[in-house]
Structure formats: structure tokens, C-alpha cells
Amino acid sequence: MNRLTFAIVAVFLVIGSITLLNMRNEETPAETLAEVTNKEPDYSIQGINSTLFDKRGNIAYQVLAESLSHYNNEQTTLFDSPRYTFYVAKSQPWV
């Protein structure tokens, strides 16, 4: 093996080692749904009926749910029995 080949192999080994170290130091994956729901929510709401409008003032969609629980640390919002209705211009609402 000549010097050039040895240098190229050494560079790739160093890059591979650095990549492996960075991958091992990444943050742990997001918590599972079970782990999130075992914690107390930051807030919860019963009987959700929310209507959102587009820029022109037309209804964009409507959300109905029995309850909502928000977990701020996990940036997660959980709905119980949600029902979404999407309104698309010049067509029937999509439920």
C-alpha cells in the first residue's frame, strides 16, 4: 500500500470515528405516548369546540373533542374523541 492510499484510508477512518461519536452523543428519542400521559398536563380543557378561519374570514376547519390535555415539556397536545371538519372552497366540508 503506497502512502497516498494509506492517507486516504486514514482520513476516512477519522471521519467515520467522528461520525460514530457524534451519533452516540445525540439526544435520546422523544418520549413514548405512555410516558407523556403518566405526567401531569400543564392544562386541560373539557368540551372543545374550536373554529379556525382563513385570511379571508372563511371557516378553514373546526375541531370538536371531549377533552384536551397539553404537556408543555414534551410539546404534546392530546385530544379525547376528536372530530375535525375541514372546509375546502367550493366543495362540501370534509369530515
Protein backbone atom coordinates (compact mmCIF):
# COMPACT_ATOMS: atom_id res chain seq x y z
CA MET A 1 0.00 0.00 0.00
CA ASN A 2 1.51 3.32 -1.02
CA ARG A 3 1.45 6.50 1.08
CA LEU A 4 -1.44 8.12 -0.81
CA THR A 5 -3.72 5.10 -0.31
CA PHE A 6 -2.74 4.90 3.36
CA ALA A 7 -3.51 8.63 3.84
CA ILE A 8 -6.93 8.32 2.17
CA VAL A 9 -7.85 5.30 4.31
CA ALA A 10 -6.68 7.13 7.46
CA VAL A 11 -8.80 10.19 6.62
CA PHE A 12 -11.91 8.05 6.09
CA LEU A 13 -11.29 6.21 9.36
CA VAL A 14 -11.02 9.50 11.26
CA ILE A 15 -14.19 10.88 9.64
CA GLY A 16 -16.03 7.63 10.38
CA SER A 17 -14.90 7.67 14.01
CA ILE A 18 -16.03 11.27 14.49
CA THR A 19 -19.39 10.48 12.90
CA LEU A 20 -19.91 7.49 15.21
CA LEU A 21 -19.04 9.57 18.28
CA ASN A 22 -21.50 12.28 17.25
CA MET A 23 -24.26 9.74 16.68
CA ARG A 24 -23.75 8.23 20.14
CA ASN A 25 -23.91 11.68 21.80
CA GLU A 26 -27.23 12.68 20.21
CA GLU A 27 -30.19 13.32 22.48
CA THR A 28 -32.42 10.41 23.40
CA PRO A 29 -35.54 9.89 21.25
CA ALA A 30 -38.81 11.56 22.16
CA GLU A 31 -40.81 10.02 24.96
CA THR A 32 -43.49 7.50 24.13
CA LEU A 33 -47.16 8.34 24.48
CA ALA A 34 -47.36 6.24 27.66
CA GLU A 35 -44.50 8.20 29.25
CA VAL A 36 -46.14 11.52 28.36
CA THR A 37 -49.55 10.60 29.74
CA ASN A 38 -48.06 9.41 33.04
CA LYS A 39 -47.14 13.05 33.78
CA GLU A 40 -49.49 15.79 34.85
CA PRO A 41 -50.63 18.05 31.97
CA ASP A 42 -49.87 21.77 32.13
CA TYR A 43 -53.53 22.38 31.40
CA SER A 44 -56.60 20.51 30.25
CA ILE A 45 -59.90 21.63 28.76
CA GLN A 46 -63.25 19.82 28.66
CA GLY A 47 -65.75 20.16 25.80
CA ILE A 48 -63.62 21.60 22.98
CA ASN A 49 -65.40 23.43 20.16
CA SER A 50 -62.90 25.45 18.17
CA THR A 51 -63.42 27.09 14.77
CA LEU A 52 -60.45 28.49 12.84
CA PHE A 53 -60.74 30.90 9.93
CA ASP A 54 -58.52 31.62 6.92
CA LYS A 55 -57.16 35.05 5.97
CA ARG A 56 -60.37 35.92 4.11
CA GLY A 57 -62.62 35.14 7.07
CA ASN A 58 -63.92 31.82 5.73
CA ILE A 59 -64.05 28.81 8.03
CA ALA A 60 -60.90 26.73 7.46
CA TYR A 61 -61.65 23.92 9.90
CA GLN A 62 -63.48 23.08 13.08
CA VAL A 63 -62.32 20.85 15.95
CA LEU A 64 -64.67 19.18 18.42
CA ALA A 65 -63.36 16.96 21.24
CA GLU A 66 -64.42 15.69 24.64
CA SER A 67 -61.21 16.98 26.22
CA LEU A 68 -57.72 18.30 25.51
CA SER A 69 -54.56 17.86 27.61
CA HIS A 70 -51.38 19.84 26.90
CA TYR A 71 -47.90 18.76 28.07
CA ASN A 72 -45.57 21.73 27.61
CA ASN A 73 -42.23 20.00 28.30
CA GLU A 74 -42.96 17.44 25.60
CA GLN A 75 -44.68 19.96 23.29
CA THR A 76 -47.58 17.49 23.01
CA THR A 77 -51.34 18.01 22.93
CA LEU A 78 -53.65 15.02 23.29
CA PHE A 79 -57.35 15.06 22.33
CA ASP A 80 -60.02 12.62 23.56
CA SER A 81 -62.52 11.65 20.85
CA PRO A 82 -61.54 14.40 18.38
CA ARG A 83 -63.60 15.27 15.32
CA TYR A 84 -62.09 17.53 12.67
CA THR A 85 -64.11 19.12 9.88
CA PHE A 86 -62.11 20.71 7.06
CA TYR A 87 -63.80 23.25 4.80
CA VAL A 88 -62.45 23.45 1.25
CA ALA A 89 -63.52 26.28 -1.07
CA LYS A 90 -66.48 25.41 -3.33
CA SER A 91 -66.96 21.88 -2.01
CA GLN A 92 -68.70 20.03 0.78
CA PRO A 93 -66.97 20.00 4.19
CA TRP A 94 -64.55 17.11 4.62
CA VAL A 95 -65.10 15.29 7.92
